[in-house]
């Protein structure tokens, strides 16, 4: 976001309003009630422009290219009054904090941690320290459901099979283009990217809420494969230990509609870390009934709070 001009507005009636009124105006102009998803899971197939160089993202059979559809970015650019921040320096000083502090920024798609790192590098440390809520793709190994599984609940259309428009590796280009800092994925593998983001959050100590998102169509393993969590968030690993150090903020894991909590004792494995768990309607939870694994389809939101004795165990545990 570009800085404002320092030339003051002459005889501005707006600046003569009480600060309380100006803050209300800033809120209505610059704050969205829903999270702003800058790394969405939603993808589309766009026509490959003849002048663009060939890309591995091109689907040669159709002449289309997979793109990460930035609907929320379009909303910010076209519907929110972000131009207000460039009118004069005083308005920028008053309104910028409201934009960063009161909006909820979301990076729910595959590779969302890389998007979050680029976002942090772009906005700089001051703006970063003002942000209070962030959602990001859960730092666990998430896989698309198998076709044999999706057919079980085909009537609910919960689990679409992977298609040409699915970005399984998070490498799709953004459309419209985002003006964010570039990083080379080969120099910043996903595991390192997560650690860098955690280090920035830990340094600022200003974030209040961090949400780990499991989006539609993803699961985290099943009862035949406990590899649902990658080396990074299972057992005593570097990533898990770094996330645990973020004990100054609240962490919530959210399984969105069409996702699957597919690990036995999955609820306990999350809440015992000191994190809350929310499973949205039309998500699935693996449970044990009479000694057998059963998939339960949720018809309403269910919430599990972190273990109340989590802090005591950390302090006094063996």
Protein backbone atom coordinates (compact mmCIF):
# COMPACT_ATOMS: atom_id res chain seq x y z
CA UNK A 1 0.00 0.00 0.00
CA UNK A 2 1.49 3.31 -1.11
CA UNK A 3 2.02 6.08 1.39
CA UNK A 4 0.00 9.29 1.38
CA UNK A 5 0.96 12.70 0.14
CA UNK A 6 2.21 14.96 2.90
CA UNK A 7 0.47 18.01 1.43
CA UNK A 8 -2.31 18.81 3.92
CA UNK A 9 -5.92 19.27 2.96
CA UNK A 10 -6.75 22.95 3.14
CA UNK A 11 -9.74 23.85 5.34
CA UNK A 12 -10.97 20.26 5.40
CA UNK A 13 -14.42 20.02 6.93
CA UNK A 14 -13.80 16.29 7.39
CA UNK A 15 -10.84 16.90 9.69
CA UNK A 16 -12.96 19.29 11.71
CA UNK A 17 -15.27 16.44 12.69
CA UNK A 18 -14.80 14.93 16.17
CA UNK A 19 -12.24 12.11 16.16
CA UNK A 20 -14.91 9.63 17.29
CA UNK A 21 -16.98 10.39 14.18
CA UNK A 22 -13.93 10.16 11.91
CA UNK A 23 -13.05 6.76 13.39
CA UNK A 24 -16.56 5.48 12.66
CA UNK A 25 -16.22 6.64 9.06
CA UNK A 26 -12.82 4.98 8.76
CA UNK A 27 -14.30 1.73 10.09
CA UNK A 28 -17.19 1.67 7.62
CA UNK A 29 -14.88 2.61 4.74
CA UNK A 30 -11.94 0.34 5.47
CA UNK A 31 -13.09 -2.68 7.49
CA UNK A 32 -14.71 -5.77 6.01
CA UNK A 33 -16.94 -7.90 8.22
CA UNK A 34 -15.70 -11.13 6.62
CA UNK A 35 -12.02 -12.11 6.48
CA UNK A 36 -10.03 -10.84 3.51
CA UNK A 37 -8.64 -13.97 1.85
CA UNK A 38 -5.45 -13.04 -0.02
CA UNK A 39 -4.44 -16.65 -0.78
CA UNK A 40 -7.74 -18.43 -1.46
CA UNK A 41 -8.23 -22.07 -2.28
CA UNK A 42 -10.68 -21.15 -5.06
CA UNK A 43 -9.14 -21.50 -8.53
CA UNK A 44 -10.36 -20.91 -12.04
CA UNK A 45 -9.24 -21.78 -15.53
CA UNK A 46 -8.45 -18.62 -17.50
CA UNK A 47 -7.66 -18.35 -21.19
CA UNK A 48 -3.90 -18.41 -21.79
CA UNK A 49 -2.94 -15.16 -23.49
CA UNK A 50 -1.02 -15.72 -26.70
CA UNK A 51 1.70 -13.28 -25.62
CA UNK A 52 2.40 -14.99 -22.32
CA UNK A 53 5.39 -17.35 -22.18
CA UNK A 54 4.61 -21.05 -21.73
CA UNK A 55 4.02 -22.13 -18.16
CA UNK A 56 3.77 -25.53 -16.41
CA UNK A 57 0.47 -24.20 -15.10
CA UNK A 58 -0.98 -24.24 -18.62
CA UNK A 59 -3.45 -26.99 -19.39
CA UNK A 60 -2.35 -27.70 -22.93
CA UNK A 61 -5.38 -29.77 -23.87
CA UNK A 62 -7.76 -26.89 -23.22
CA UNK A 63 -5.66 -23.77 -23.78
CA UNK A 64 -6.37 -22.62 -20.24
CA UNK A 65 -4.17 -21.71 -17.29
CA UNK A 66 -4.93 -22.34 -13.63
CA UNK A 67 -5.07 -19.14 -11.61
CA UNK A 68 -5.77 -18.36 -7.98
CA UNK A 69 -8.91 -16.24 -8.24
CA UNK A 70 -8.44 -13.18 -6.02
CA UNK A 71 -12.07 -12.26 -5.41
CA UNK A 72 -11.33 -10.60 -2.06
CA UNK A 73 -8.45 -8.61 -3.54
CA UNK A 74 -10.86 -7.28 -6.16
CA UNK A 75 -13.26 -6.36 -3.36
CA UNK A 76 -10.56 -4.41 -1.51
CA UNK A 77 -9.53 -2.57 -4.66
CA UNK A 78 -13.00 -1.82 -6.00
CA UNK A 79 -15.41 -1.76 -3.05
CA UNK A 80 -13.40 -0.56 -0.05
CA UNK A 81 -12.35 3.09 0.15
CA UNK A 82 -8.62 2.37 0.48
CA UNK A 83 -7.92 5.50 -1.58
CA UNK A 84 -8.80 7.40 1.57
CA UNK A 85 -5.38 6.43 2.94
CA UNK A 86 -3.67 8.46 0.22
CA UNK A 87 -5.52 11.74 0.65
CA UNK A 88 -3.26 13.33 3.26
CA UNK A 89 -0.79 12.33 5.94
CA UNK A 90 -3.10 13.06 8.87
CA UNK A 91 -5.87 10.85 7.51
CA UNK A 92 -3.32 8.13 6.76
CA UNK A 93 -2.04 8.23 10.35
CA UNK A 94 -5.56 8.06 11.75
CA UNK A 95 -6.99 5.44 9.39
CA UNK A 96 -4.12 3.04 8.63
CA UNK A 97 -4.17 1.56 12.12
CA UNK A 98 -7.91 0.86 11.82
CA UNK A 99 -7.39 -0.89 8.47
CA UNK A 100 -4.69 -3.20 9.82
CA UNK A 101 -6.04 -3.76 13.34
CA UNK A 102 -9.72 -4.34 12.58
CA UNK A 103 -9.52 -6.45 9.41
CA UNK A 104 -9.03 -10.22 9.53
CA UNK A 105 -6.50 -11.39 6.93
CA UNK A 106 -6.79 -14.93 5.60
CA UNK A 107 -4.46 -17.22 3.59
CA UNK A 108 -6.50 -20.40 3.36
CA UNK A 109 -5.20 -21.97 0.15
CA UNK A 110 -2.47 -24.54 -0.33
CA UNK A 111 0.83 -22.72 0.07
CA UNK A 112 -0.86 -20.10 2.24
CA UNK A 113 2.20 -19.80 4.49
CA UNK A 114 4.27 -18.63 1.54
CA UNK A 115 1.55 -16.11 0.74
CA UNK A 116 1.57 -14.96 4.37
CA UNK A 117 5.37 -14.54 4.34
CA UNK A 118 5.20 -12.47 1.15
CA UNK A 119 2.43 -10.39 2.71
CA UNK A 120 4.51 -9.73 5.84
CA UNK A 121 7.57 -8.78 3.79
CA UNK A 122 5.49 -6.41 1.66
CA UNK A 123 3.64 -4.46 4.34
CA UNK A 124 6.65 -4.01 6.64
CA UNK A 125 7.10 -4.34 10.41
CA UNK A 126 4.90 -1.42 11.51
CA UNK A 127 1.78 -2.56 9.64
CA UNK A 128 2.53 -6.17 10.56
CA UNK A 129 2.63 -5.31 14.26
CA UNK A 130 -0.85 -3.77 14.02
CA UNK A 131 -2.58 -6.90 12.70
CA UNK A 132 -4.69 -8.76 15.27
CA UNK A 133 -6.32 -11.65 13.35
CA UNK A 134 -4.84 -14.02 10.77
CA UNK A 135 -6.12 -17.28 9.27
CA UNK A 136 -3.74 -19.57 7.39
CA UNK A 137 -3.83 -23.03 5.81
CA UNK A 138 -3.27 -25.53 8.61
CA UNK A 139 0.43 -26.46 8.98
CA UNK A 140 -0.28 -30.17 8.56
CA UNK A 141 -0.05 -32.50 5.62
CA UNK A 142 -3.46 -32.21 3.95
CA UNK A 143 -4.53 -34.41 1.10
CA UNK A 144 -7.51 -34.41 -1.23
CA UNK A 145 -10.02 -37.20 -0.55
CA UNK A 146 -9.78 -40.33 -2.65
CA UNK A 147 -12.47 -40.97 -5.22
CA UNK A 148 -13.60 -44.10 -3.36
CA UNK A 149 -14.25 -41.97 -0.32
CA UNK A 150 -15.98 -39.12 -2.11
CA UNK A 151 -18.45 -41.52 -3.69
CA UNK A 152 -19.69 -42.55 -0.24
CA UNK A 153 -21.22 -39.13 0.36
CA UNK A 154 -21.77 -38.07 -3.24
CA UNK A 155 -25.35 -37.03 -2.43
CA UNK A 156 -23.99 -34.30 -0.18
CA UNK A 157 -21.39 -33.21 -2.77
CA UNK A 158 -18.96 -32.68 0.08
CA UNK A 159 -15.79 -33.89 -1.54
CA UNK A 160 -15.30 -32.95 -5.18
CA UNK A 161 -12.67 -35.04 -6.93
CA UNK A 162 -9.47 -33.20 -7.90
CA UNK A 163 -9.90 -31.45 -11.24
CA UNK A 164 -7.85 -29.39 -13.63
CA UNK A 165 -8.83 -26.28 -11.70
CA UNK A 166 -7.51 -27.64 -8.40
CA UNK A 167 -4.20 -26.20 -7.26
CA UNK A 168 -2.82 -29.08 -5.22
CA UNK A 169 0.70 -27.71 -4.90
CA UNK A 170 -0.14 -24.04 -4.37
CA UNK A 171 1.81 -22.89 -7.44
CA UNK A 172 -0.98 -21.15 -9.36
CA UNK A 173 -0.55 -17.53 -10.33
CA UNK A 174 -2.72 -14.86 -8.73
CA UNK A 175 -5.41 -13.18 -10.80
CA UNK A 176 -5.68 -10.26 -10.69
CA UNK A 177 -1.98 -9.78 -10.07
CA UNK A 178 -0.90 -9.09 -6.49
CA UNK A 179 1.91 -6.62 -5.87
CA UNK A 180 3.74 -8.52 -3.14
CA UNK A 181 7.38 -9.21 -2.43
CA UNK A 182 8.80 -12.10 -4.43
CA UNK A 183 10.47 -15.07 -2.79
CA UNK A 184 11.98 -18.08 -4.49
CA UNK A 185 10.20 -21.22 -3.39
CA UNK A 186 13.35 -23.31 -3.85
CA UNK A 187 15.16 -21.01 -1.39
CA UNK A 188 12.23 -20.95 1.03
CA UNK A 189 10.76 -24.46 1.28
CA UNK A 190 7.43 -24.73 3.03
CA UNK A 191 8.92 -25.91 6.32
CA UNK A 192 11.33 -22.96 6.44
CA UNK A 193 8.62 -20.51 5.43
CA UNK A 194 6.46 -21.55 8.39
CA UNK A 195 9.35 -21.08 10.80
CA UNK A 196 10.07 -17.59 9.41
CA UNK A 197 6.43 -16.57 9.80
CA UNK A 198 6.35 -17.90 13.38
CA UNK A 199 9.54 -15.96 14.12
CA UNK A 200 8.00 -12.71 12.84
CA UNK A 201 4.83 -13.25 14.86
CA UNK A 202 6.88 -14.06 17.96
CA UNK A 203 9.02 -10.96 17.48
CA UNK A 204 6.00 -8.64 17.22
CA UNK A 205 3.94 -10.29 19.99
CA UNK A 206 0.94 -8.27 18.83
CA UNK A 207 -1.22 -10.84 17.04
CA UNK A 208 -4.24 -11.88 19.13
CA UNK A 209 -5.90 -14.68 17.14
CA UNK A 210 -4.36 -17.25 14.79
CA UNK A 211 -6.68 -19.65 12.94
CA UNK A 212 -5.46 -22.83 11.23
CA UNK A 213 -7.80 -23.56 8.32
CA UNK A 214 -8.59 -26.96 6.78
CA UNK A 215 -10.58 -25.94 3.68
CA UNK A 216 -13.23 -27.79 1.73
CA UNK A 217 -12.05 -30.98 0.09
CA UNK A 218 -9.09 -31.58 2.42
CA UNK A 219 -8.53 -34.09 5.18
CA UNK A 220 -5.64 -34.83 7.51
CA UNK A 221 -5.28 -38.60 7.18
CA UNK A 222 -7.49 -41.53 8.13
CA UNK A 223 -7.46 -44.56 10.40
CA UNK A 224 -5.29 -46.58 7.99
CA UNK A 225 -2.58 -43.96 7.73
CA UNK A 226 -1.27 -41.91 10.61
CA UNK A 227 0.91 -39.93 8.22
CA UNK A 228 -1.80 -37.28 8.22
CA UNK A 229 0.54 -34.90 10.01
CA UNK A 230 3.78 -34.24 8.20
CA UNK A 231 7.12 -34.00 9.95
CA UNK A 232 6.49 -30.57 11.33
CA UNK A 233 3.43 -30.85 13.54
CA UNK A 234 3.52 -34.38 14.91
CA UNK A 235 5.41 -35.17 18.08
CA UNK A 236 8.19 -32.98 19.38
CA UNK A 237 9.22 -31.21 16.18
CA UNK A 238 10.79 -27.83 15.45
CA UNK A 239 7.62 -26.39 13.94
CA UNK A 240 5.35 -27.56 16.75
CA UNK A 241 7.75 -26.21 19.36
CA UNK A 242 7.86 -22.85 17.58
CA UNK A 243 4.07 -22.71 17.42
CA UNK A 244 3.90 -23.54 21.12
CA UNK A 245 6.05 -20.49 21.81
CA UNK A 246 3.21 -18.34 20.48
CA UNK A 247 1.52 -18.71 23.85
CA UNK A 248 0.65 -15.00 23.96
CA UNK A 249 -2.10 -15.51 21.35
CA UNK A 250 -5.15 -17.74 20.91
CA UNK A 251 -4.92 -20.54 18.34
CA UNK A 252 -8.04 -22.14 16.84
CA UNK A 253 -8.18 -25.00 14.32
CA UNK A 254 -11.15 -24.80 11.93
CA UNK A 255 -12.40 -27.67 9.75
CA UNK A 256 -14.59 -25.97 7.17
CA UNK A 257 -17.61 -27.51 5.46
CA UNK A 258 -16.53 -30.33 3.18
CA UNK A 259 -13.34 -31.10 5.14
CA UNK A 260 -12.58 -34.21 7.18
CA UNK A 261 -10.99 -34.62 10.61
CA UNK A 262 -9.78 -38.09 9.72
CA UNK A 263 -7.50 -39.11 12.57
CA UNK A 264 -8.64 -41.20 15.52
CA UNK A 265 -8.60 -39.14 18.70
CA UNK A 266 -8.24 -36.14 16.41
CA UNK A 267 -10.18 -33.84 18.73
CA UNK A 268 -7.94 -34.69 21.67
CA UNK A 269 -4.76 -34.40 19.59
CA UNK A 270 -5.69 -30.77 18.86
CA UNK A 271 -7.15 -29.59 22.15
CA UNK A 272 -4.31 -31.04 24.20
CA UNK A 273 -1.98 -28.60 22.42
CA UNK A 274 -3.93 -25.77 24.04
CA UNK A 275 -5.87 -24.99 20.85
CA UNK A 276 -9.61 -24.69 20.34
CA UNK A 277 -11.25 -26.76 17.59
CA UNK A 278 -14.23 -25.78 15.45
CA UNK A 279 -15.86 -28.15 12.95
CA UNK A 280 -18.31 -26.44 10.63
CA UNK A 281 -21.60 -27.93 9.37
CA UNK A 282 -21.10 -30.52 6.59
CA UNK A 283 -17.63 -31.41 7.81
CA UNK A 284 -16.79 -34.96 8.86
CA UNK A 285 -15.24 -36.21 12.08
CA UNK A 286 -13.76 -39.67 12.57
CA UNK A 287 -14.99 -41.25 15.79
CA UNK A 288 -14.83 -44.69 17.38
CA UNK A 289 -18.11 -46.51 18.01
CA UNK A 290 -18.10 -50.02 19.51
CA UNK A 291 -14.42 -50.26 18.73
CA UNK A 292 -14.90 -49.41 15.05
CA UNK A 293 -14.07 -46.17 13.20
CA UNK A 294 -17.15 -44.23 12.12
CA UNK A 295 -17.35 -41.09 10.00
CA UNK A 296 -19.87 -38.64 11.47
CA UNK A 297 -21.34 -35.92 9.28
CA UNK A 298 -21.95 -32.77 11.30
CA UNK A 299 -25.22 -30.94 10.68
CA UNK A 300 -24.35 -28.00 12.90
CA UNK A 301 -21.21 -26.30 14.12
CA UNK A 302 -19.43 -28.06 16.97
CA UNK A 303 -16.78 -26.49 19.19
CA UNK A 304 -14.23 -28.15 21.46
CA UNK A 305 -12.31 -25.94 23.86
CA UNK A 306 -8.66 -26.47 24.70
CA UNK A 307 -8.01 -28.65 27.71
CA UNK A 308 -8.58 -26.55 30.82
CA UNK A 309 -5.58 -28.08 32.55
CA UNK A 310 -3.26 -27.44 29.59
CA UNK A 311 -1.30 -24.77 31.44
CA UNK A 312 -1.00 -26.87 34.59
CA UNK A 313 0.37 -29.80 32.61
CA UNK A 314 2.98 -27.60 30.99
CA UNK A 315 4.01 -26.11 34.31
CA UNK A 316 3.90 -29.13 36.60
CA UNK A 317 3.94 -32.13 34.23
CA UNK A 318 6.65 -34.76 34.49
